[in-house]
Amino acid sequence: MLDEKYNTIDIPNATDDIRKEFAQYYIQRRRADVERWLDEDTPFPKRESGEFEYSLSNEYSDYYDDVLDFTLNLTKKEEQHEGRKRFRYWSALALLRGVMSSPAAGVEMLKNRIRNLEIPDDLEYTTSNPLMDDDFGPARDYAPTDVINKTAWTDYENRKLNDLAGKLEKLTGFKYDYKAREAYEIVKKWLADSDSTVIFCRFIATANYLGELLKTALEKDFKNIDVQVVTSEDPDELRKSRIEEMEDSKLRVLVATDCLSEGINLQDKFTAVLHYDLPWNPNRLEQREGRIDRFGQTAKEVKAFLLYGKDNPVDGVVLKVLLRKVREIRKSIGISIPFPEDSKSLIDSVMQAVLLNVKPSRRRNQIALDFDQVDEVKQKEIIATNAIQRAADREKASRSIFAHPAIKAGEIEVDLKQSDESIGDTKAVENFVTEALASVFGVQVSKNKKGYDLYTTNLPSVLRNILPDKPKLKISFHSPTPEGYIYIGRNHLFVEQLCQILLAGAIDPESQYRPARASVIKSRDVDIKTTLLLFRVRNVIEEKQTHNQLVAEEMLIWGYRGAASNMDVLSQDEVKTLMALAEAHSTMSKEAKADFLETELESISKLRKEFDDIAINRAEKLIESHERFRKLLGGTRYKVVEPILPMDLMGVYIILPDKS
């Protein structure tokens, strides 16, 4: 945020006045609003959402009953100290979540505890459940052993925890872990359909365990498959480099924790997401799926599926009470909603209701609990449903403010096209980069079916260091970018540095790289002498109320036929066409070129007033554009103090008719 007062704004829960104020600076539109706006193709993938269920193996089901018995006893034990009571409940919940995430996560929680830790009675216990998933920010993917360590275990409970850990260590692998086996079957099918997959896990131990299982199994099924694991154990730069290195493989599987659910976009390498562990906060669901379902995804359809245990009561209530409802609302209104206010305490209350009412069953693959018949769970579900609906209603109201329906494409289309003219549209960037690299630096840039092959050998180091260290790179100037290509847009550092080198070289006679600022050619593309000029125009713009100033700088092309004094001015389209297409059809001596150029420069020097008028006219048009946007969106009024005169004459290009 440029204005710090908006750094902490809570849009979903803000008052109408605050939202209206913020709407002056913020535009929110659905995908459907922009996909064909101004007749441009802005493609987004279609998201196929769904669920896969799995059943516990007989051995894991028996084990789960034992854990459930143990955790239920934890929550029922009498504790006078309120803090100790809360930590026993949280420990029970942590153990259930860890055991059902994976044997590895469960064992880590059961074994990695500090025995006989002294816990003073006056310890200030937090009142917020530390197991609840945060809305935003770095996710905590480590096992919550700090919670378990702060629980006062009896000698019997310590022996039981050790016994449970020993049993769980024997239930690893596809033979007993049907959850991992089901994930393998899903991913195997997706890979056969060429869907590279991201699998999100809750805990580091689960991600490492699952990654090892899948790598061993999938490498037997597919050649040249790359299976990687990324967790918060790795530094940020290592995570990014590990993902970038997967580019060379056509089939990819990335097992990750929520450390990747924000920040790193994966749409250029993956087309499917599998939620191995259900997030307890629906905001995390959208953050995970948004890594692949975003602009720049070249696949027409992406997959986003939940994996849940049909005999796991915690999975059941998370799915029924939270995730399905949020997905239904997204499908109906076309956008994702942020989960309601005070979401962590809401989810915590639902979990507590489940844990206090669940009952283990010795029947195979069946947990005897019908939540629809439990009043406390039903009440919590109603509260959650109402909160989700309020969030959806607020989102609809916000959209009516932030969508700015008053903006009509036709009213600003001309301004947007002029903006592209000034800063360069996709085609202009493509022509500039490919032609400059070839003509100024002698760099080989070869067209291929999807973009270009760029050979980096002759690139100056300041440009080469921006790109991956490879002798040959595939680049594209279009977004979405084909898989395996580097996107080079007008805001890319490579383009910026290339501009700086050429601009500096154009005015420095000692520079190694000097683009031509003047030329004289004979061409059959004109029937009268035609002169094209390239100006750098700068305008100082001032806010009327605050008097804050900014400088708007752009390149301006202009041209005329015949003598300069006649002012037979070319249209912008005519100038652009000649700039792009005019070719020399016969040769001229250096002396003849110099004479023509010297004569024309002398004539141009007498047009100072005409050129100043061009700069002033351009400045007025900029303010008219600003004013149109201000009327549509509200905001600051501007005025031009004055153009910086004279304009800088950057290039003179003379085209003489070729009569031969």
Foldseek 3Di string as FASTA:
>chain_A
DVDVVCVPDDQLPDDPVVLLVCLLPFFDDFCVVPCCFVHDHQAFAAEDEEADAWFFDQLLQVLLQLLLVLLLVLQPDDDPQPQLNVLSNLLSVLLLQQSLQALQSNLCLLPPEDPPDDADSPDDHDPFRPVAFDLDDATDAARVNVSVNNHHDDPVRNVSSVVSSVSSVVQDDVVRGVLLVVVLVVLLVCVVVLFAEEEEGRHPRSLVRSLVRNVVVVVVVDPQEEGEEDEPVDPPVVRVVVLVVNLVGSHYYYYYYLSPLDDAADQLRGQEYEHSRDRLALSSLCSNVRSRRDWLRPDNYGYYYYYYYPQSQLRVLSVVLPNVLQVVLCVVPVHGFHAFPPSSVLSVQLVVLSSNPWHADSDGRHGPDDLVPRVSNVVSSVVRNVRRVSRSVSVVVSNVSNNLPLDDSVLCVVVVVVVCVWLPDLVRLLCVVQVLCCPFQVWDWAADDQAIKTQCPRPDPVLCVLDPPDRIAAAHCDISHHRRYHHDYSPRVNNVVSVVLAVVQCPDPPRSGHDDQEEEAAFQVDDFKKKKWKWKWKFWKAFPPPRDIDIDITIDMWMATDQPVVCRTDDPVVNVCCVPDTDHPDDDDPVVTVVVVVVNVVRVVVCQVVQQVVNQVVQVVVQVSVVSSCVSSNDTHMDTPGIPPDIGTRHMYIYHYDPD
